[in-house]
Every structure is written in C-alpha cells, then in structure tokens.
Amino acid sequence: RPEFALIRTCVGVSPSDFKSDPIDQTMGYHPKEG
C-alpha cells in the first residue's frame, strides 16, 4: 500500500519495526500480510 510505504519512509523504519509498532496496529495493516 503506497500510503503505508510513505509513512514508513517518513518515520525511517523498516517493515520489521512495524510488526509491533502502534502505528501498524492503528492502521490495521501488517506488512507481513501483504
């Protein structure tokens, strides 16, 4: 999802960092799922 990639770039973290990141849960999107 482009919007997720944008946020990931702005925050400067890798997808693995989002697995337990509050932002990931807030968006309801898990990189490992797609």
PDB file of N, CA and C in Angstrom:
ATOM      1  N   ARG A   1       0.840  -1.196   0.000  1.00  0.00           N
ATOM      2  CA  ARG A   1       0.000   0.000   0.000  1.00  0.00           C
ATOM      3  C   ARG A   1       0.876   1.247   0.000  1.00  0.00           C
ATOM      4  N   PRO A   2       0.734   2.118  -0.990  1.00  0.00           N
ATOM      5  CA  PRO A   2       1.570   3.325  -1.150  1.00  0.00           C
ATOM      6  C   PRO A   2       1.560   4.204   0.086  1.00  0.00           C
ATOM      7  N   GLU A   3       0.386   4.426   0.672  1.00  0.00           N
ATOM      8  CA  GLU A   3       0.295   5.314   1.839  1.00  0.00           C
ATOM      9  C   GLU A   3       1.107   4.771   3.002  1.00  0.00           C
ATOM     10  N   PHE A   4       1.180   3.428   3.108  1.00  0.00           N
ATOM     11  CA  PHE A   4       1.957   2.820   4.187  1.00  0.00           C
ATOM     12  C   PHE A   4       3.448   2.989   3.919  1.00  0.00           C
ATOM     13  N   ALA A   5       3.819   2.827   2.656  1.00  0.00           N
ATOM     14  CA  ALA A   5       5.222   2.983   2.269  1.00  0.00           C
ATOM     15  C   ALA A   5       5.680   4.413   2.529  1.00  0.00           C
ATOM     16  N   LEU A   6       4.775   5.355   2.302  1.00  0.00           N
ATOM     17  CA  LEU A   6       5.077   6.764   2.537  1.00  0.00           C
ATOM     18  C   LEU A   6       5.375   7.003   4.007  1.00  0.00           C
ATOM     19  N   ILE A   7       4.476   6.509   4.869  1.00  0.00           N
ATOM     20  CA  ILE A   7       4.646   6.684   6.311  1.00  0.00           C
ATOM     21  C   ILE A   7       5.913   5.985   6.773  1.00  0.00           C
ATOM     22  N   ARG A   8       6.151   4.809   6.232  1.00  0.00           N
ATOM     23  CA  ARG A   8       7.338   4.036   6.623  1.00  0.00           C
ATOM     24  C   ARG A   8       8.594   4.832   6.288  1.00  0.00           C
ATOM     25  N   THR A   9       8.562   5.518   5.128  1.00  0.00           N
ATOM     26  CA  THR A   9       9.715   6.304   4.706  1.00  0.00           C
ATOM     27  C   THR A   9       9.891   7.521   5.603  1.00  0.00           C
ATOM     28  N   CYS A  10       8.783   8.167   5.929  1.00  0.00           N
ATOM     29  CA  CYS A  10       8.838   9.376   6.751  1.00  0.00           C
ATOM     30  C   CYS A  10       9.374   9.056   8.139  1.00  0.00           C
ATOM     31  N   VAL A  11       8.928   7.948   8.690  1.00  0.00           N
ATOM     32  CA  VAL A  11       9.354   7.556  10.032  1.00  0.00           C
ATOM     33  C   VAL A  11      10.777   7.023   9.986  1.00  0.00           C
ATOM     34  N   GLY A  12      11.152   6.456   8.854  1.00  0.00           N
ATOM     35  CA  GLY A  12      12.506   5.960   8.684  1.00  0.00           C
ATOM     36  C   GLY A  12      12.745   4.629   9.357  1.00  0.00           C
ATOM     37  N   VAL A  13      11.755   3.746   9.272  1.00  0.00           N
ATOM     38  CA  VAL A  13      11.911   2.428   9.876  1.00  0.00           C
ATOM     39  C   VAL A  13      11.660   1.354   8.839  1.00  0.00           C
ATOM     40  N   SER A  14      12.075   0.144   9.136  1.00  0.00           N
ATOM     41  CA  SER A  14      11.879  -0.968   8.214  1.00  0.00           C
ATOM     42  C   SER A  14      10.579  -1.687   8.558  1.00  0.00           C
ATOM     43  N   PRO A  15      10.017  -2.469   7.615  1.00  0.00           N
ATOM     44  CA  PRO A  15       8.757  -3.187   7.832  1.00  0.00           C
ATOM     45  C   PRO A  15       8.767  -4.025   9.101  1.00  0.00           C
ATOM     46  N   SER A  16       9.925  -4.586   9.432  1.00  0.00           N
ATOM     47  CA  SER A  16      10.009  -5.447  10.612  1.00  0.00           C
ATOM     48  C   SER A  16       9.758  -4.636  11.885  1.00  0.00           C
ATOM     49  N   ASP A  17      10.111  -3.345  11.847  1.00  0.00           N
ATOM     50  CA  ASP A  17       9.908  -2.489  13.017  1.00  0.00           C
ATOM     51  C   ASP A  17       8.427  -2.231  13.248  1.00  0.00           C
ATOM     52  N   PHE A  18       7.633  -2.414  12.189  1.00  0.00           N
ATOM     53  CA  PHE A  18       6.208  -2.106  12.285  1.00  0.00           C
ATOM     54  C   PHE A  18       5.390  -3.277  12.820  1.00  0.00           C
ATOM     55  N   LYS A  19       6.011  -4.441  12.928  1.00  0.00           N
ATOM     56  CA  LYS A  19       5.273  -5.631  13.358  1.00  0.00           C
ATOM     57  C   LYS A  19       4.611  -5.412  14.713  1.00  0.00           C
ATOM     58  N   SER A  20       5.304  -4.713  15.614  1.00  0.00           N
ATOM     59  CA  SER A  20       4.741  -4.485  16.942  1.00  0.00           C
ATOM     60  C   SER A  20       4.600  -2.985  17.207  1.00  0.00           C
ATOM     61  N   ASP A  21       4.660  -2.202  16.116  1.00  0.00           N
ATOM     62  CA  ASP A  21       4.579  -0.750  16.250  1.00  0.00           C
ATOM     63  C   ASP A  21       3.121  -0.315  16.383  1.00  0.00           C
ATOM     64  N   PRO A  22       2.827   0.641  17.274  1.00  0.00           N
ATOM     65  CA  PRO A  22       1.459   1.134  17.483  1.00  0.00           C
ATOM     66  C   PRO A  22       0.841   1.640  16.191  1.00  0.00           C
ATOM     67  N   ILE A  23       1.636   2.274  15.356  1.00  0.00           N
ATOM     68  CA  ILE A  23       1.124   2.825  14.089  1.00  0.00           C
ATOM     69  C   ILE A  23       0.593   1.707  13.212  1.00  0.00           C
ATOM     70  N   ASP A  24       1.257   0.564  13.230  1.00  0.00           N
ATOM     71  CA  ASP A  24       0.831  -0.569  12.415  1.00  0.00           C
ATOM     72  C   ASP A  24      -0.541  -1.050  12.876  1.00  0.00           C
ATOM     73  N   GLN A  25      -0.723  -1.132  14.179  1.00  0.00           N
ATOM     74  CA  GLN A  25      -1.997  -1.596  14.729  1.00  0.00           C
ATOM     75  C   GLN A  25      -3.095  -0.560  14.483  1.00  0.00           C
ATOM     76  N   THR A  26      -2.726   0.728  14.545  1.00  0.00           N
ATOM     77  CA  THR A  26      -3.700   1.788  14.327  1.00  0.00           C
ATOM     78  C   THR A  26      -4.221   1.750  12.895  1.00  0.00           C
ATOM     79  N   MET A  27      -3.314   1.508  11.961  1.00  0.00           N
ATOM     80  CA  MET A  27      -3.703   1.457  10.555  1.00  0.00           C
ATOM     81  C   MET A  27      -4.411   0.151  10.229  1.00  0.00           C
ATOM     82  N   GLY A  28      -4.235  -0.836  11.109  1.00  0.00           N
ATOM     83  CA  GLY A  28      -4.854  -2.130  10.868  1.00  0.00           C
ATOM     84  C   GLY A  28      -4.209  -2.838   9.700  1.00  0.00           C
ATOM     85  N   TYR A  29      -2.935  -2.565   9.488  1.00  0.00           N
ATOM     86  CA  TYR A  29      -2.236  -3.158   8.346  1.00  0.00           C
ATOM     87  C   TYR A  29      -0.926  -3.769   8.815  1.00  0.00           C
ATOM     88  N   HIS A  30      -0.677  -5.004   8.413  1.00  0.00           N
ATOM     89  CA  HIS A  30       0.541  -5.694   8.815  1.00  0.00           C
ATOM     90  C   HIS A  30       1.362  -6.043   7.572  1.00  0.00           C
ATOM     91  N   PRO A  31       2.581  -5.483   7.474  1.00  0.00           N
ATOM     92  CA  PRO A  31       3.436  -5.685   6.291  1.00  0.00           C
ATOM     93  C   PRO A  31       3.599  -7.151   5.941  1.00  0.00           C
ATOM     94  N   LYS A  32       3.673  -8.016   6.967  1.00  0.00           N
ATOM     95  CA  LYS A  32       3.883  -9.421   6.716  1.00  0.00           C
ATOM     96  C   LYS A  32       2.688 -10.064   6.020  1.00  0.00           C
ATOM     97  N   GLU A  33       1.553  -9.410   6.089  1.00  0.00           N
ATOM     98  CA  GLU A  33       0.358  -9.973   5.454  1.00  0.00           C
ATOM     99  C   GLU A  33       0.233  -9.525   4.000  1.00  0.00           C
ATOM    100  N   GLY A  34       1.035  -8.562   3.588  1.00  0.00           N
ATOM    101  CA  GLY A  34       0.931  -8.198   2.201  1.00  0.00           C
ATOM    102  C   GLY A  34       1.329  -6.765   1.947  1.00  0.00           C
TER     103      GLY A  34
END
